[in-house]
Amino acid sequence: MPRSPTVVERFSVGRDGRTFTLVRWGQMGTFEDARLTDFRTTTATAVDKLS
């Protein structure tokens, strides 16, 4: 029987004052494939762009 692919989903919410952003990261593979450092960098970039 074929295995279903594994999908890792990460979510974060960042805000600057009254403005907020939601980051949704989906990637096929395992948690090692969807590295937390890259996700945090993406979230920080999104929050920086709110200002």
N, C-alpha and C. Protein backbone atom coordinates (compact mmCIF):
# COMPACT_ATOMS: atom_id res chain seq x y z
N MET A 1 0.84 -1.18 0.00
CA MET A 1 0.00 0.00 0.00
C MET A 1 0.89 1.25 0.00
N PRO A 2 0.64 2.20 -0.89
CA PRO A 2 1.47 3.40 -0.95
C PRO A 2 1.28 4.28 0.28
N ARG A 3 2.38 4.89 0.69
CA ARG A 3 2.33 5.82 1.83
C ARG A 3 1.93 7.20 1.35
N SER A 4 1.18 7.89 2.18
CA SER A 4 0.84 9.28 1.88
C SER A 4 2.04 10.15 2.18
N PRO A 5 2.24 11.21 1.41
CA PRO A 5 3.36 12.10 1.70
C PRO A 5 3.14 12.82 3.03
N THR A 6 4.22 13.09 3.70
CA THR A 6 4.18 13.84 4.96
C THR A 6 4.31 15.32 4.65
N VAL A 7 3.47 16.11 5.26
CA VAL A 7 3.52 17.56 5.07
C VAL A 7 3.68 18.22 6.43
N VAL A 8 4.64 19.12 6.52
CA VAL A 8 4.87 19.89 7.74
C VAL A 8 4.26 21.26 7.55
N GLU A 9 3.46 21.71 8.50
CA GLU A 9 2.85 23.04 8.44
C GLU A 9 3.29 23.81 9.68
N ARG A 10 3.73 25.03 9.47
CA ARG A 10 4.09 25.92 10.58
C ARG A 10 3.32 27.22 10.40
N PHE A 11 2.88 27.78 11.51
CA PHE A 11 2.14 29.04 11.50
C PHE A 11 2.74 29.98 12.53
N SER A 12 2.73 31.25 12.22
CA SER A 12 3.13 32.26 13.21
C SER A 12 2.34 33.53 12.96
N VAL A 13 2.17 34.29 14.01
CA VAL A 13 1.51 35.58 13.93
C VAL A 13 2.47 36.61 14.52
N GLY A 14 2.72 37.68 13.76
CA GLY A 14 3.56 38.74 14.26
C GLY A 14 2.80 40.05 14.16
N ARG A 15 3.15 40.99 15.00
CA ARG A 15 2.45 42.27 14.91
C ARG A 15 3.38 43.42 15.20
N ASP A 16 2.99 44.57 14.69
CA ASP A 16 3.68 45.83 14.93
C ASP A 16 2.58 46.84 15.22
N GLY A 17 2.38 47.11 16.50
CA GLY A 17 1.26 47.98 16.88
C GLY A 17 -0.05 47.29 16.61
N ARG A 18 -0.91 47.94 15.80
CA ARG A 18 -2.23 47.38 15.49
C ARG A 18 -2.23 46.56 14.21
N THR A 19 -1.10 46.53 13.50
CA THR A 19 -1.00 45.78 12.25
C THR A 19 -0.37 44.43 12.53
N PHE A 20 -0.92 43.39 11.92
CA PHE A 20 -0.36 42.07 12.14
C PHE A 20 -0.22 41.32 10.83
N THR A 21 0.58 40.28 10.87
CA THR A 21 0.77 39.41 9.71
C THR A 21 0.70 37.96 10.16
N LEU A 22 0.21 37.12 9.29
CA LEU A 22 0.16 35.68 9.52
C LEU A 22 1.07 35.02 8.51
N VAL A 23 1.99 34.20 8.99
CA VAL A 23 2.88 33.45 8.11
C VAL A 23 2.46 31.99 8.18
N ARG A 24 2.21 31.41 7.02
CA ARG A 24 1.88 29.98 6.93
C ARG A 24 2.92 29.33 6.05
N TRP A 25 3.58 28.34 6.58
CA TRP A 25 4.66 27.66 5.87
C TRP A 25 4.27 26.20 5.76
N GLY A 26 4.15 25.70 4.56
CA GLY A 26 3.86 24.29 4.33
C GLY A 26 4.94 23.70 3.45
N GLN A 27 5.42 22.51 3.82
CA GLN A 27 6.49 21.88 3.07
C GLN A 27 6.36 20.37 3.18
N MET A 28 6.56 19.71 2.08
CA MET A 28 6.54 18.24 2.11
C MET A 28 7.83 17.75 2.75
N GLY A 29 7.71 16.71 3.54
CA GLY A 29 8.88 16.12 4.19
C GLY A 29 8.68 16.03 5.68
N THR A 30 9.77 16.09 6.40
CA THR A 30 9.75 15.99 7.86
C THR A 30 10.12 17.33 8.47
N PHE A 31 10.14 17.38 9.79
CA PHE A 31 10.53 18.62 10.46
C PHE A 31 11.98 19.00 10.13
N GLU A 32 12.82 18.02 9.86
CA GLU A 32 14.20 18.32 9.47
C GLU A 32 14.24 19.03 8.11
N ASP A 33 13.28 18.72 7.23
CA ASP A 33 13.21 19.36 5.91
C ASP A 33 12.69 20.80 6.01
N ALA A 34 11.80 21.05 6.95
CA ALA A 34 11.23 22.39 7.15
C ALA A 34 11.93 23.00 8.36
N ARG A 35 13.13 23.46 8.15
CA ARG A 35 13.98 23.91 9.26
C ARG A 35 13.38 25.11 9.99
N LEU A 36 13.44 25.05 11.30
CA LEU A 36 12.89 26.10 12.15
C LEU A 36 13.62 27.42 11.95
N THR A 37 14.92 27.38 11.73
CA THR A 37 15.69 28.61 11.54
C THR A 37 15.19 29.38 10.33
N ASP A 38 14.93 28.68 9.22
CA ASP A 38 14.42 29.33 8.02
C ASP A 38 13.04 29.92 8.26
N PHE A 39 12.21 29.19 8.99
CA PHE A 39 10.86 29.67 9.29
C PHE A 39 10.92 30.93 10.15
N ARG A 40 11.78 30.94 11.15
CA ARG A 40 11.92 32.12 12.00
C ARG A 40 12.42 33.33 11.22
N THR A 41 13.35 33.10 10.30
CA THR A 41 13.86 34.18 9.47
C THR A 41 12.76 34.75 8.59
N THR A 42 11.95 33.88 8.01
CA THR A 42 10.84 34.32 7.17
C THR A 42 9.84 35.13 7.99
N THR A 43 9.53 34.67 9.20
CA THR A 43 8.60 35.39 10.06
C THR A 43 9.15 36.76 10.44
N ALA A 44 10.44 36.82 10.80
CA ALA A 44 11.06 38.10 11.16
C ALA A 44 11.04 39.07 9.98
N THR A 45 11.30 38.57 8.78
CA THR A 45 11.26 39.42 7.58
C THR A 45 9.87 39.98 7.36
N ALA A 46 8.85 39.13 7.53
CA ALA A 46 7.46 39.57 7.35
C ALA A 46 7.08 40.65 8.35
N VAL A 47 7.50 40.49 9.61
CA VAL A 47 7.19 41.48 10.64
C VAL A 47 7.95 42.78 10.37
N ASP A 48 9.20 42.68 9.94
CA ASP A 48 9.98 43.89 9.61
C ASP A 48 9.33 44.70 8.50
N LYS A 49 8.67 44.04 7.58
CA LYS A 49 8.04 44.74 6.46
C LYS A 49 6.73 45.43 6.84
N LEU A 50 6.25 45.18 8.05
CA LEU A 50 5.02 45.85 8.51
C LEU A 50 5.27 47.33 8.79
N SER A 51 6.48 47.69 9.18
CA SER A 51 6.78 49.07 9.56
C SER A 51 6.94 49.96 8.36
